[in-house]
Amino acid sequence: MSRSTLGGRQQGPEQESEPDASDVPGLIHALRVYQHELEAQNEELRQACAELETLRSSLEDLFQHAPAALVNVDAKGAITLVNHAAELLFGLDNHALVGRQITSLIREEDTDRFERSRHLVESESGSQVLEARVLRVEETRWARISMMAASPKSGPGAGTAFRTAFVDITEQRQLEASLAQAEKMASMGMLAAGVAHEINNPLSYILPTLESAMVERAPLRELIPQDAQGSEFDELTQRLEHAYQGARRVKDIVRGLTSVSRASSAGATGDLHQAMRHALIVASNELRFVASVQEQLSEVDNVRLAEGKAAQVLLNLILNAVHAFDEQRSGQRNQIAVATWQTGDRVWASVTDNGCGMSGSVQARVFDPFYTTKGAERGTGLGLAICRDIIHEAGGDIQLRSALSEGTRVAFWLPAAPRGPQVAEAKPSITDALRRRVLIVDDEPEVARAIRRLLKAQHDVVVVRSGLEAQQLLTTDDSFDAILCDVMMPDFSGIQLLRWLQSHSPSMARHTVLMSGGVSSKEIQRELAEVPNRLLHKPVDRSTLLEVVQNPDYSPE
């Protein structure tokens, strides 16, 4: 057989000889085996690629539909990738976000904290968590931001790419702020009740004493010889009048404070005019040198909102109106108008000012939580949001209209409370009133003496200084027409005495009128809300005392 070449190579005697024709099937078989192996490997690769594509697609779905806003950032701080939640959080689409500096989405006041956290991630290749305000077009939202390094540095001086997750916690922040506000109001209520009690107790004998002195000044003038009456007597009575008016002002301030800070029960109703009056009293110091107030109060029904809550809303609106005035502007030009009116079953109230007004963009966000155009020393941006929530919870609504340099008007309506049956009030005049036998129960002897002084001319008055002493007396003597009983007394409170009377002498229980200078205990507040008896808030004026003694079981709507 002649020599030949195989694959272009000369075959030497030391090399294997070219296979003969009988080896061709073996070669074909070997090639087929290799082909099957390659096809199997190709199939494995195709399956692996399909699995990787499925995994990639799943991860893409998870990334895009994650509840947190996920943002990848390169070493220079530019955004490289965002998900759908990030578009929603920032109010911008993918094209507007990618390539943008991440710090441009952080509120300016929080960028330093954000950068510090970023540098810690770079230096420690770890993770950082912070809470900061982020920008959504013109709106501010609170977010919890988690940062972690995405890859190691590529060289000396190079930055570190990182991944961020933003979780919107605005509602959580609002809830926390609302709870803090509620706790603050509860604490203020307890503090106000304690202060009111301490102020009202001495005021409860100062006011009646001044009032009785004023009632007796006319008969006193008749006892003084005509030639002895002169300017000194007139000046003395004028001083007495000034002292009385000053004491009444203290009474009004304390009542306004306790009304605004008082907690309310569900389903409570209130007098909107009283709420307005209390709000104006509390805001009087802010108002005095800033603006004049015009009142346009029409006759309206009570509303389905506790008086204290309504006073909180009105106080907030009045203070907002005060803050709308430029400090350089004369107070004579500054005017605030408060008004009430009723349309059908809706009771309206409004607060209007002629201050700086608001732009359209500010009006669009004015009810957003934490949004404020004031400095941090004047507000948290929660006032109007809380007002809106209080009004909506009561079933009403709030509206705002404003124009730059012209002023702002905020109006809200509340559902009218159902009217009770129209019963004619039989209130005898003081001159025609029957002489009554009255029991006064109060552990403050000065208060008891002052009340006795106001009543003794028209009624027979007995005074005891404790609930236990009253219980012992009433065990043997239940012939009193009216019982005026203080609520807060040591050992045996007014509530305990009333409960005892309800079981031992129901008629005496019906004729019992409770008096209080302020209650800080929530338990006693709850018990007071449960009893049907009248509650007089100290200090009590003479006309109220005389009317109550004639009608102790009369309970106004």
Protein backbone atom coordinates (compact mmCIF):
# COMPACT_ATOMS: atom_id res chain seq x y z
CA MET A 1 0.00 0.00 0.00
CA SER A 2 1.44 3.33 -0.94
CA ARG A 3 2.03 5.98 1.68
CA SER A 4 -0.56 8.69 1.94
CA THR A 5 -1.20 11.77 3.99
CA LEU A 6 -3.84 11.98 6.72
CA GLY A 7 -4.92 15.43 7.63
CA GLY A 8 -2.13 16.91 5.51
CA ARG A 9 0.58 15.20 7.52
CA GLN A 10 3.10 12.70 6.21
CA GLN A 11 2.72 9.38 8.00
CA GLY A 12 6.07 7.81 8.92
CA PRO A 13 6.73 4.16 9.65
CA GLU A 14 6.72 4.98 13.40
CA GLN A 15 3.17 6.43 13.17
CA GLU A 16 -0.02 4.45 13.13
CA SER A 17 -1.14 3.58 9.72
CA GLU A 18 -4.27 5.03 8.24
CA PRO A 19 -7.35 3.04 9.30
CA ASP A 20 -8.73 0.90 6.67
CA ALA A 21 -12.25 0.99 5.35
CA SER A 22 -13.46 -1.34 8.09
CA ASP A 23 -12.72 1.38 10.74
CA VAL A 24 -15.08 3.99 9.21
CA PRO A 25 -18.18 2.75 11.11
CA GLY A 26 -16.26 3.08 14.36
CA LEU A 27 -15.36 6.64 13.53
CA ILE A 28 -18.94 7.43 12.65
CA HIS A 29 -20.12 5.89 15.93
CA ALA A 30 -17.59 7.92 17.88
CA LEU A 31 -18.67 11.08 16.11
CA ARG A 32 -22.32 10.32 16.93
CA VAL A 33 -21.47 9.76 20.57
CA TYR A 34 -19.69 13.08 20.64
CA GLN A 35 -22.67 14.69 18.91
CA HIS A 36 -25.12 13.28 21.51
CA GLU A 37 -22.87 14.48 24.31
CA LEU A 38 -22.68 17.94 22.77
CA GLU A 39 -26.44 18.02 22.29
CA ALA A 40 -26.96 16.97 25.93
CA GLN A 41 -24.57 19.67 27.08
CA ASN A 42 -26.33 22.20 24.87
CA GLU A 43 -29.69 21.16 26.37
CA GLU A 44 -28.29 21.60 29.88
CA LEU A 45 -27.04 25.04 28.89
CA ARG A 46 -30.43 25.94 27.44
CA GLN A 47 -32.18 24.79 30.65
CA ALA A 48 -29.67 26.70 32.77
CA CYS A 49 -30.22 29.80 30.65
CA ALA A 50 -34.00 29.39 30.95
CA GLU A 51 -33.72 28.98 34.72
CA LEU A 52 -31.47 32.05 34.90
CA GLU A 53 -33.97 34.01 32.82
CA THR A 54 -36.81 32.86 35.07
CA LEU A 55 -34.78 33.86 38.13
CA ARG A 56 -33.85 37.19 36.53
CA SER A 57 -37.49 37.83 35.67
CA SER A 58 -38.56 36.91 39.23
CA LEU A 59 -35.93 39.17 40.74
CA GLU A 60 -36.98 41.93 38.34
CA ASP A 61 -40.61 41.47 39.43
CA LEU A 62 -39.58 41.49 43.09
CA PHE A 63 -37.47 44.60 42.53
CA GLN A 64 -40.16 46.46 40.60
CA HIS A 65 -43.04 45.48 42.87
CA ALA A 66 -41.25 45.71 46.22
CA PRO A 67 -43.20 47.93 48.66
CA ALA A 68 -40.03 49.85 49.48
CA ALA A 69 -38.58 52.38 47.06
CA LEU A 70 -35.31 50.77 45.86
CA VAL A 71 -32.62 53.00 44.36
CA ASN A 72 -29.15 51.99 43.13
CA VAL A 73 -26.54 54.74 43.22
CA ASP A 74 -23.10 54.79 41.61
CA ALA A 75 -19.84 55.89 43.21
CA LYS A 76 -20.46 59.51 42.17
CA GLY A 77 -23.90 59.65 43.81
CA ALA A 78 -25.88 59.40 40.58
CA ILE A 79 -28.96 57.17 40.42
CA THR A 80 -28.53 54.18 38.10
CA LEU A 81 -31.65 52.10 38.76
CA VAL A 82 -35.02 52.62 40.44
CA ASN A 83 -38.17 50.55 40.94
CA HIS A 84 -41.85 51.44 40.58
CA ALA A 85 -42.22 52.30 44.29
CA ALA A 86 -39.42 54.87 43.93
CA GLU A 87 -41.27 56.50 41.04
CA LEU A 88 -44.39 56.74 43.23
CA LEU A 89 -42.50 58.02 46.28
CA PHE A 90 -40.68 60.79 44.42
CA GLY A 91 -43.42 61.52 41.89
CA LEU A 92 -41.00 61.17 38.96
CA ASP A 93 -40.67 58.50 36.27
CA ASN A 94 -37.63 56.31 35.60
CA HIS A 95 -36.18 58.63 32.95
CA ALA A 96 -36.36 61.65 35.27
CA LEU A 97 -34.73 59.76 38.14
CA VAL A 98 -31.89 57.86 36.47
CA GLY A 99 -28.78 60.06 36.28
CA ARG A 100 -30.08 62.43 38.95
CA GLN A 101 -28.03 63.03 42.10
CA ILE A 102 -29.56 61.13 45.02
CA THR A 103 -29.07 64.13 47.35
CA SER A 104 -31.40 66.21 45.16
CA LEU A 105 -34.27 64.04 46.48
CA ILE A 106 -33.43 64.68 50.14
CA ARG A 107 -34.74 67.79 51.90
CA GLU A 108 -31.95 70.33 52.33
CA GLU A 109 -32.10 70.25 56.13
CA ASP A 110 -31.43 66.48 56.12
CA THR A 111 -28.75 66.19 53.40
CA ASP A 112 -25.86 66.49 55.90
CA ARG A 113 -27.14 63.50 57.89
CA PHE A 114 -27.66 61.56 54.66
CA GLU A 115 -24.10 62.28 53.50
CA ARG A 116 -22.65 61.31 56.88
CA SER A 117 -24.43 57.96 56.67
CA ARG A 118 -23.19 57.50 53.11
CA HIS A 119 -19.56 58.15 54.15
CA LEU A 120 -19.90 55.60 56.94
CA VAL A 121 -21.10 53.06 54.38
CA GLU A 122 -18.09 53.86 52.19
CA SER A 123 -15.53 53.67 54.98
CA GLU A 124 -16.91 50.62 56.75
CA SER A 125 -18.55 48.81 53.79
CA GLY A 126 -21.46 48.13 56.11
CA SER A 127 -25.02 49.45 56.29
CA GLN A 128 -26.69 52.52 57.79
CA VAL A 129 -30.30 53.42 58.63
CA LEU A 130 -31.66 56.93 59.12
CA GLU A 131 -34.97 58.79 58.96
CA ALA A 132 -35.11 61.86 56.75
CA ARG A 133 -37.50 64.01 54.76
CA VAL A 134 -37.61 63.36 51.03
CA LEU A 135 -39.06 65.50 48.27
CA ARG A 136 -42.01 64.39 46.17
CA VAL A 137 -42.40 67.11 43.54
CA GLU A 138 -43.41 69.95 45.97
CA GLU A 139 -44.51 67.69 48.80
CA THR A 140 -42.38 66.55 51.72
CA ARG A 141 -42.59 62.94 52.93
CA TRP A 142 -40.83 61.17 55.77
CA ALA A 143 -38.86 58.03 54.88
CA ARG A 144 -36.76 55.44 56.69
CA ILE A 145 -33.66 55.03 54.52
CA SER A 146 -31.47 51.90 54.57
CA MET A 147 -28.08 52.09 52.83
CA MET A 148 -25.54 49.37 52.03
CA ALA A 149 -22.42 49.17 49.89
CA ALA A 150 -23.02 47.64 46.45
CA SER A 151 -19.39 46.86 45.50
CA PRO A 152 -15.87 47.48 46.80
CA LYS A 153 -13.91 50.51 45.70
CA SER A 154 -12.37 50.16 42.26
CA GLY A 155 -9.17 51.93 43.28
CA PRO A 156 -7.60 54.50 45.59
CA GLY A 157 -9.78 57.59 45.92
CA ALA A 158 -12.67 55.93 44.14
CA GLY A 159 -16.13 56.12 45.70
CA THR A 160 -18.39 53.22 46.57
CA ALA A 161 -21.59 52.43 44.78
CA PHE A 162 -24.45 51.74 47.17
CA ARG A 163 -28.00 50.56 47.27
CA THR A 164 -30.77 52.36 49.17
CA ALA A 165 -34.25 51.37 50.29
CA PHE A 166 -36.76 54.11 51.16
CA VAL A 167 -39.81 53.18 53.26
CA ASP A 168 -42.49 55.90 53.45
CA ILE A 169 -43.24 56.46 57.15
CA THR A 170 -45.21 59.69 56.77
CA GLU A 171 -48.44 58.16 58.10
CA GLN A 172 -46.54 56.53 60.95
CA ARG A 173 -44.96 59.87 61.80
CA GLN A 174 -48.39 61.53 61.65
CA LEU A 175 -49.86 58.87 63.93
CA GLU A 176 -46.98 59.24 66.38
CA ALA A 177 -47.39 63.02 66.31
CA SER A 178 -51.15 62.71 66.82
CA LEU A 179 -50.61 60.35 69.74
CA ALA A 180 -48.03 62.71 71.19
CA GLN A 181 -50.49 65.57 70.73
CA ALA A 182 -53.21 63.54 72.44
CA GLU A 183 -50.87 62.72 75.32
CA LYS A 184 -49.85 66.36 75.52
CA MET A 185 -53.49 67.44 75.62
CA ALA A 186 -54.24 64.79 78.25
CA SER A 187 -51.30 66.02 80.34
CA MET A 188 -52.40 69.60 79.79
CA GLY A 189 -55.91 68.63 80.83
CA MET A 190 -54.65 67.12 84.07
CA LEU A 191 -52.38 70.10 84.68
CA ALA A 192 -55.18 72.55 83.85
CA ALA A 193 -57.58 70.71 86.14
CA GLY A 194 -55.04 70.83 88.96
CA VAL A 195 -54.31 74.51 88.40
CA ALA A 196 -58.02 75.27 88.03
CA HIS A 197 -58.76 73.51 91.30
CA GLU A 198 -56.07 75.47 93.14
CA ILE A 199 -57.19 78.79 91.61
CA ASN A 200 -60.93 78.15 91.76
CA ASN A 201 -60.99 77.22 95.44
CA PRO A 202 -59.83 80.65 96.68
CA LEU A 203 -61.76 82.27 93.82
CA SER A 204 -64.87 80.46 95.08
CA TYR A 205 -64.90 82.60 98.20
CA ILE A 206 -63.34 85.76 96.72
CA LEU A 207 -65.99 86.14 94.01
CA PRO A 208 -69.04 85.43 96.20
CA THR A 209 -67.66 87.72 98.90
CA LEU A 210 -67.17 90.54 96.40
CA GLU A 211 -70.58 89.87 94.88
CA SER A 212 -72.35 89.90 98.24
CA ALA A 213 -70.54 93.13 99.13
CA MET A 214 -71.76 94.67 95.88
CA VAL A 215 -75.32 93.51 96.58
CA GLU A 216 -75.15 95.02 100.07
CA ARG A 217 -73.60 98.34 99.04
CA ALA A 218 -76.98 99.92 98.21
CA PRO A 219 -78.48 99.23 101.67
CA LEU A 220 -75.15 100.30 103.15
CA ARG A 221 -75.38 103.66 101.38
CA GLU A 222 -78.80 104.21 102.98
CA LEU A 223 -77.28 103.67 106.45
CA ILE A 224 -74.63 106.33 105.89
CA PRO A 225 -75.76 109.89 106.61
CA GLN A 226 -76.30 111.96 103.49
CA ASP A 227 -73.63 114.46 104.44
CA ALA A 228 -71.08 111.62 104.94
CA GLN A 229 -71.65 110.20 101.46
CA GLY A 230 -69.15 111.55 98.99
CA SER A 231 -66.36 110.81 96.58
CA GLU A 232 -64.58 108.47 99.02
CA PHE A 233 -67.61 106.15 99.21
CA ASP A 234 -68.01 106.24 95.43
CA GLU A 235 -64.32 105.48 94.93
CA LEU A 236 -64.57 102.61 97.39
CA THR A 237 -67.51 101.07 95.55
CA GLN A 238 -65.71 101.60 92.23
CA ARG A 239 -62.69 99.71 93.58
CA LEU A 240 -65.03 96.96 94.67
CA GLU A 241 -66.48 96.80 91.15
CA HIS A 242 -62.97 96.63 89.62
CA ALA A 243 -61.95 93.84 91.99
CA TYR A 244 -65.11 91.91 91.13
CA GLN A 245 -64.55 92.30 87.36
CA GLY A 246 -60.90 91.24 87.75
CA ALA A 247 -61.92 88.12 89.65
CA ARG A 248 -64.48 87.28 86.97
CA ARG A 249 -61.77 87.63 84.33
CA VAL A 250 -59.58 85.13 86.21
CA LYS A 251 -62.58 82.80 86.32
CA ASP A 252 -63.10 83.12 82.55
CA ILE A 253 -59.42 82.48 81.80
CA VAL A 254 -59.35 79.33 83.92
CA ARG A 255 -62.55 78.03 82.35
CA GLY A 256 -61.22 78.74 78.87
CA LEU A 257 -58.01 76.86 79.61
CA THR A 258 -59.77 73.83 81.06
CA SER A 259 -62.28 73.76 78.20
CA VAL A 260 -59.59 73.78 75.48
CA SER A 261 -57.54 71.08 77.21
CA ARG A 262 -60.40 68.89 78.47
CA ALA A 263 -60.64 65.34 77.11
CA SER A 264 -63.99 64.44 75.58
CA SER A 265 -66.07 61.31 75.42
CA ALA A 266 -67.43 59.73 72.25
CA GLY A 267 -70.81 61.06 71.17
CA ALA A 268 -70.46 64.25 73.21
CA THR A 269 -72.14 67.47 72.09
CA GLY A 270 -71.10 71.05 72.66
CA ASP A 271 -72.02 74.72 72.44
CA LEU A 272 -70.05 76.28 69.57
CA HIS A 273 -70.44 79.79 71.00
CA GLN A 274 -68.95 78.72 74.32
CA ALA A 275 -66.13 76.98 72.45
CA MET A 276 -65.48 80.20 70.49
CA ARG A 277 -65.50 82.24 73.69
CA HIS A 278 -63.01 79.91 75.40
CA ALA A 279 -60.72 79.89 72.36
CA LEU A 280 -60.69 83.70 72.23
CA ILE A 281 -59.90 83.89 75.94
CA VAL A 282 -56.95 81.50 75.63
CA ALA A 283 -55.67 83.35 72.52
CA SER A 284 -56.24 86.82 74.01
CA ASN A 285 -52.58 87.40 74.82
CA GLU A 286 -51.57 86.61 71.21
CA LEU A 287 -54.41 88.74 69.85
CA ARG A 288 -54.09 91.79 72.05
CA PHE A 289 -51.26 93.60 70.26
CA VAL A 290 -51.66 92.04 66.81
CA ALA A 291 -55.24 92.37 65.58
CA SER A 292 -58.75 93.45 66.47
CA VAL A 293 -61.48 90.81 66.57
CA GLN A 294 -64.98 91.18 65.17
CA GLU A 295 -67.63 88.68 66.30
CA GLN A 296 -70.65 87.83 64.15
CA LEU A 297 -72.30 85.02 66.07
CA SER A 298 -75.78 83.95 64.96
CA GLU A 299 -78.04 81.72 67.01
CA VAL A 300 -77.15 78.08 66.30
CA ASP A 301 -77.88 74.63 67.69
CA ASN A 302 -75.36 72.64 69.69
CA VAL A 303 -73.05 70.48 67.59
CA ARG A 304 -72.07 66.80 67.58
CA LEU A 305 -68.62 67.56 68.96
CA ALA A 306 -67.46 68.06 72.51
CA GLU A 307 -67.00 71.69 73.48
CA GLY A 308 -63.33 71.14 74.31
CA LYS A 309 -62.61 69.62 70.89
CA ALA A 310 -64.43 72.46 69.13
CA ALA A 311 -62.42 74.96 71.18
CA GLN A 312 -59.18 73.22 70.11
CA VAL A 313 -60.14 73.59 66.44
CA LEU A 314 -61.13 77.25 66.83
CA LEU A 315 -58.02 78.08 68.86
CA ASN A 316 -55.84 76.59 66.14
CA LEU A 317 -57.58 78.61 63.42
CA ILE A 318 -57.41 81.83 65.44
CA LEU A 319 -53.68 81.41 66.13
CA ASN A 320 -53.08 80.67 62.43
CA ALA A 321 -54.86 83.94 61.64
CA VAL A 322 -52.65 85.79 64.14
CA HIS A 323 -49.52 84.35 62.52
CA ALA A 324 -50.70 85.53 59.08
CA PHE A 325 -49.86 89.14 59.94
CA ASP A 326 -46.51 90.76 59.22
CA GLU A 327 -44.86 91.79 62.49
CA GLN A 328 -44.09 95.21 60.99
CA ARG A 329 -47.70 95.90 60.11
CA SER A 330 -49.81 98.07 62.39
CA GLY A 331 -52.23 96.18 64.61
CA GLN A 332 -54.96 98.72 63.82
CA ARG A 333 -55.09 97.48 60.23
CA ASN A 334 -55.07 93.81 61.21
CA GLN A 335 -58.53 92.33 61.57
CA ILE A 336 -59.81 88.89 62.42
CA ALA A 337 -63.51 88.08 62.06
CA VAL A 338 -65.14 85.07 63.71
CA ALA A 339 -68.65 84.02 62.74
CA THR A 340 -71.23 81.28 63.26
CA TRP A 341 -74.41 80.48 61.34
CA GLN A 342 -76.63 77.51 60.56
CA THR A 343 -77.99 76.06 57.31
CA GLY A 344 -80.36 73.16 57.90
CA ASP A 345 -78.67 70.55 60.07
CA ARG A 346 -75.20 72.01 59.50
CA VAL A 347 -73.73 74.44 62.02
CA TRP A 348 -70.98 76.60 60.51
CA ALA A 349 -68.09 78.56 62.01
CA SER A 350 -65.44 80.61 60.25
CA VAL A 351 -62.26 82.53 61.03
CA THR A 352 -61.25 85.22 58.52
CA ASP A 353 -58.15 87.43 58.49
CA ASN A 354 -56.84 90.16 56.21
CA GLY A 355 -53.24 88.97 56.55
CA CYS A 356 -50.65 87.86 54.01
CA GLY A 357 -52.77 85.15 52.35
CA MET A 358 -51.50 82.00 50.60
CA SER A 359 -50.43 81.06 47.10
CA GLY A 360 -52.21 78.31 45.21
CA SER A 361 -49.36 75.84 45.79
CA VAL A 362 -49.46 76.47 49.56
CA GLN A 363 -53.25 76.07 49.64
CA ALA A 364 -52.92 72.71 47.86
CA ARG A 365 -50.72 71.39 50.66
CA VAL A 366 -51.93 73.30 53.70
CA PHE A 367 -53.73 70.27 55.20
CA ASP A 368 -50.76 67.93 54.60
CA PRO A 369 -49.18 66.66 57.83
CA PHE A 370 -45.86 68.35 58.73
CA TYR A 371 -46.25 71.01 56.04
CA THR A 372 -45.65 74.48 57.41
CA THR A 373 -44.57 77.88 56.13
CA LYS A 374 -43.82 79.02 59.68
CA GLY A 375 -40.55 78.61 61.47
CA ALA A 376 -40.01 75.68 63.80
CA GLU A 377 -40.64 77.95 66.80
CA ARG A 378 -44.22 78.62 65.63
CA GLY A 379 -45.49 75.25 64.54
CA THR A 380 -44.97 71.64 63.51
CA GLY A 381 -47.25 71.64 60.48
CA LEU A 382 -49.83 69.45 62.24
CA GLY A 383 -52.39 72.07 63.35
CA LEU A 384 -54.66 72.11 60.29
CA ALA A 385 -54.21 68.37 59.70
CA ILE A 386 -55.43 67.68 63.24
CA CYS A 387 -58.30 70.17 62.85
CA ARG A 388 -59.38 68.42 59.65
CA ASP A 389 -59.22 64.99 61.35
CA ILE A 390 -61.29 66.20 64.35
CA ILE A 391 -63.94 67.71 62.06
CA HIS A 392 -64.10 64.71 59.72
CA GLU A 393 -64.34 62.33 62.67
CA ALA A 394 -67.38 64.30 63.88
CA GLY A 395 -68.99 63.99 60.43
CA GLY A 396 -68.29 67.54 59.22
CA ASP A 397 -65.99 69.21 56.71
CA ILE A 398 -63.53 72.11 56.49
CA GLN A 399 -62.87 74.54 53.64
CA LEU A 400 -60.14 77.11 53.01
CA ARG A 401 -60.06 80.08 50.64
CA SER A 402 -57.12 82.47 50.39
CA ALA A 403 -55.46 85.05 48.14
CA LEU A 404 -52.00 86.54 48.42
CA SER A 405 -51.93 89.95 50.13
CA GLU A 406 -55.70 89.77 50.72
CA GLY A 407 -56.17 87.26 53.52
CA THR A 408 -57.56 83.84 54.36
CA ARG A 409 -60.94 82.45 55.33
CA VAL A 410 -61.29 79.01 56.93
CA ALA A 411 -64.82 77.73 57.42
CA PHE A 412 -66.04 74.40 58.76
CA TRP A 413 -69.37 72.81 59.51
CA LEU A 414 -70.44 70.24 62.07
CA PRO A 415 -73.65 68.23 62.31
CA ALA A 416 -76.21 69.85 64.58
CA ALA A 417 -77.01 67.91 67.73
CA PRO A 418 -80.62 66.76 68.06
CA ARG A 419 -82.77 69.16 70.00
CA GLY A 420 -84.34 67.94 73.21
CA PRO A 421 -88.00 68.41 74.01
CA GLN A 422 -88.94 72.05 74.46
CA VAL A 423 -89.86 72.24 78.12
CA ALA A 424 -90.73 75.55 79.69
CA GLU A 425 -88.28 76.28 82.46
CA ALA A 426 -90.05 77.13 85.68
CA LYS A 427 -87.55 79.43 87.29
CA PRO A 428 -89.11 81.52 90.04
CA SER A 429 -87.74 84.99 90.45
CA ILE A 430 -85.63 85.70 93.49
CA THR A 431 -88.34 87.84 95.02
CA ASP A 432 -91.07 85.20 94.54
CA ALA A 433 -88.87 82.19 95.43
CA LEU A 434 -89.81 79.92 98.29
CA ARG A 435 -87.55 79.81 101.30
CA ARG A 436 -85.59 76.56 101.15
CA ARG A 437 -83.54 74.48 103.54
CA VAL A 438 -80.08 74.01 102.05
CA LEU A 439 -77.15 71.76 103.03
CA ILE A 440 -73.66 72.84 101.91
CA VAL A 441 -70.98 70.11 101.92
CA ASP A 442 -67.46 71.44 101.32
CA ASP A 443 -64.12 70.74 102.99
CA GLU A 444 -62.96 74.32 102.26
CA PRO A 445 -64.46 76.40 105.10
CA GLU A 446 -63.95 79.73 103.27
CA VAL A 447 -65.83 78.43 100.23
CA ALA A 448 -68.69 77.13 102.36
CA ARG A 449 -68.93 80.43 104.26
CA ALA A 450 -68.97 82.43 101.00
CA ILE A 451 -71.78 80.31 99.53
CA ARG A 452 -73.71 80.55 102.81
CA ARG A 453 -73.29 84.34 102.76
CA LEU A 454 -74.91 84.51 99.30
CA LEU A 455 -77.85 82.30 100.28
CA LYS A 456 -78.61 83.12 103.90
CA ALA A 457 -80.88 86.10 103.18
CA GLN A 458 -83.35 83.94 101.20
CA HIS A 459 -82.77 80.44 102.62
CA ASP A 460 -81.96 78.45 105.76
CA VAL A 461 -78.43 77.13 105.31
CA VAL A 462 -76.59 74.32 107.14
CA VAL A 463 -72.85 73.77 106.53
CA VAL A 464 -70.82 70.59 107.05
CA ARG A 465 -67.14 70.15 106.19
CA SER A 466 -66.88 66.56 104.95
CA GLY A 467 -68.78 63.84 103.14
CA LEU A 468 -68.76 61.63 106.24
CA GLU A 469 -70.22 64.44 108.37
CA ALA A 470 -72.94 64.93 105.74
CA GLN A 471 -73.68 61.19 105.74
CA GLN A 472 -74.11 61.16 109.51
CA LEU A 473 -76.41 64.21 109.39
CA LEU A 474 -78.54 62.85 106.53
CA THR A 475 -78.99 59.52 108.31
CA THR A 476 -81.20 61.30 110.86
CA ASP A 477 -82.28 64.41 108.94
CA ASP A 478 -83.42 64.17 105.31
CA SER A 479 -85.58 67.31 105.23
CA PHE A 480 -83.30 69.38 102.99
CA ASP A 481 -84.70 70.85 99.78
CA ALA A 482 -81.29 71.07 98.14
CA ILE A 483 -77.78 69.74 98.78
CA LEU A 484 -74.77 71.58 97.32
CA CYS A 485 -71.88 69.11 97.53
CA ASP A 486 -68.23 69.49 96.55
CA VAL A 487 -66.85 66.65 94.40
CA MET A 488 -63.24 66.44 95.59
CA MET A 489 -63.09 65.80 99.34
CA PRO A 490 -60.75 63.55 101.34
CA ASP A 491 -62.02 60.28 102.85
CA PHE A 492 -65.54 60.49 101.41
CA SER A 493 -65.99 62.28 98.07
CA GLY A 494 -69.09 63.95 96.70
CA ILE A 495 -69.58 61.04 94.26
CA GLN A 496 -69.48 58.55 97.16
CA LEU A 497 -72.03 60.60 99.10
CA LEU A 498 -74.29 60.76 96.04
CA ARG A 499 -74.06 56.97 95.54
CA TRP A 500 -74.96 56.46 99.19
CA LEU A 501 -77.95 58.80 98.87
CA GLN A 502 -79.16 56.97 95.73
CA SER A 503 -79.53 53.79 97.77
CA HIS A 504 -80.67 55.30 101.10
CA SER A 505 -82.65 58.40 100.09
CA PRO A 506 -83.43 58.63 96.35
CA SER A 507 -85.33 61.91 96.78
CA MET A 508 -82.32 63.52 98.46
CA ALA A 509 -80.09 62.14 95.68
CA ARG A 510 -82.27 63.88 93.07
CA HIS A 511 -81.95 67.17 94.97
CA THR A 512 -78.14 66.95 95.14
CA VAL A 513 -76.10 69.36 93.04
CA LEU A 514 -72.38 68.68 92.67
CA MET A 515 -69.75 71.44 92.65
CA SER A 516 -66.19 71.25 91.38
CA GLY A 517 -63.22 73.55 91.06
CA GLY A 518 -61.51 71.13 88.64
CA VAL A 519 -61.13 67.36 88.43
CA SER A 520 -57.82 65.80 87.35
CA SER A 521 -58.74 62.15 88.03
CA LYS A 522 -59.97 60.36 84.90
CA GLU A 523 -61.95 57.93 87.07
CA ILE A 524 -63.87 60.76 88.73
CA GLN A 525 -64.38 62.46 85.35
CA ARG A 526 -65.92 59.21 84.08
CA GLU A 527 -68.18 58.94 87.14
CA LEU A 528 -69.31 62.55 86.76
CA ALA A 529 -70.27 61.83 83.16
CA GLU A 530 -72.41 58.89 84.31
CA VAL A 531 -74.49 60.64 87.00
CA PRO A 532 -77.55 62.68 85.94
CA ASN A 533 -77.11 65.37 88.60
CA ARG A 534 -76.19 68.94 87.79
CA LEU A 535 -72.53 69.91 88.05
CA LEU A 536 -71.63 73.50 88.91
CA HIS A 537 -68.12 74.68 88.07
CA LYS A 538 -66.62 76.83 90.80
CA PRO A 539 -66.68 79.69 91.35
CA VAL A 540 -70.49 79.94 91.16
CA ASP A 541 -72.22 83.30 90.91
CA ARG A 542 -75.15 84.34 93.11
CA SER A 543 -77.90 84.14 90.48
CA THR A 544 -76.89 80.58 89.54
CA LEU A 545 -76.86 79.52 93.19
CA LEU A 546 -80.30 80.99 93.85
CA GLU A 547 -81.74 79.34 90.72
CA VAL A 548 -80.20 75.96 91.56
CA VAL A 549 -81.54 76.00 95.09
CA GLN A 550 -85.06 76.54 93.72
CA ASN A 551 -84.58 73.84 91.03
CA PRO A 552 -81.90 71.41 92.25
CA ASP A 553 -83.08 68.53 90.07
CA TYR A 554 -83.42 70.72 86.95
CA SER A 555 -80.99 69.42 84.31
CA PRO A 556 -80.54 71.64 81.24
CA GLU A 557 -80.06 70.05 77.83
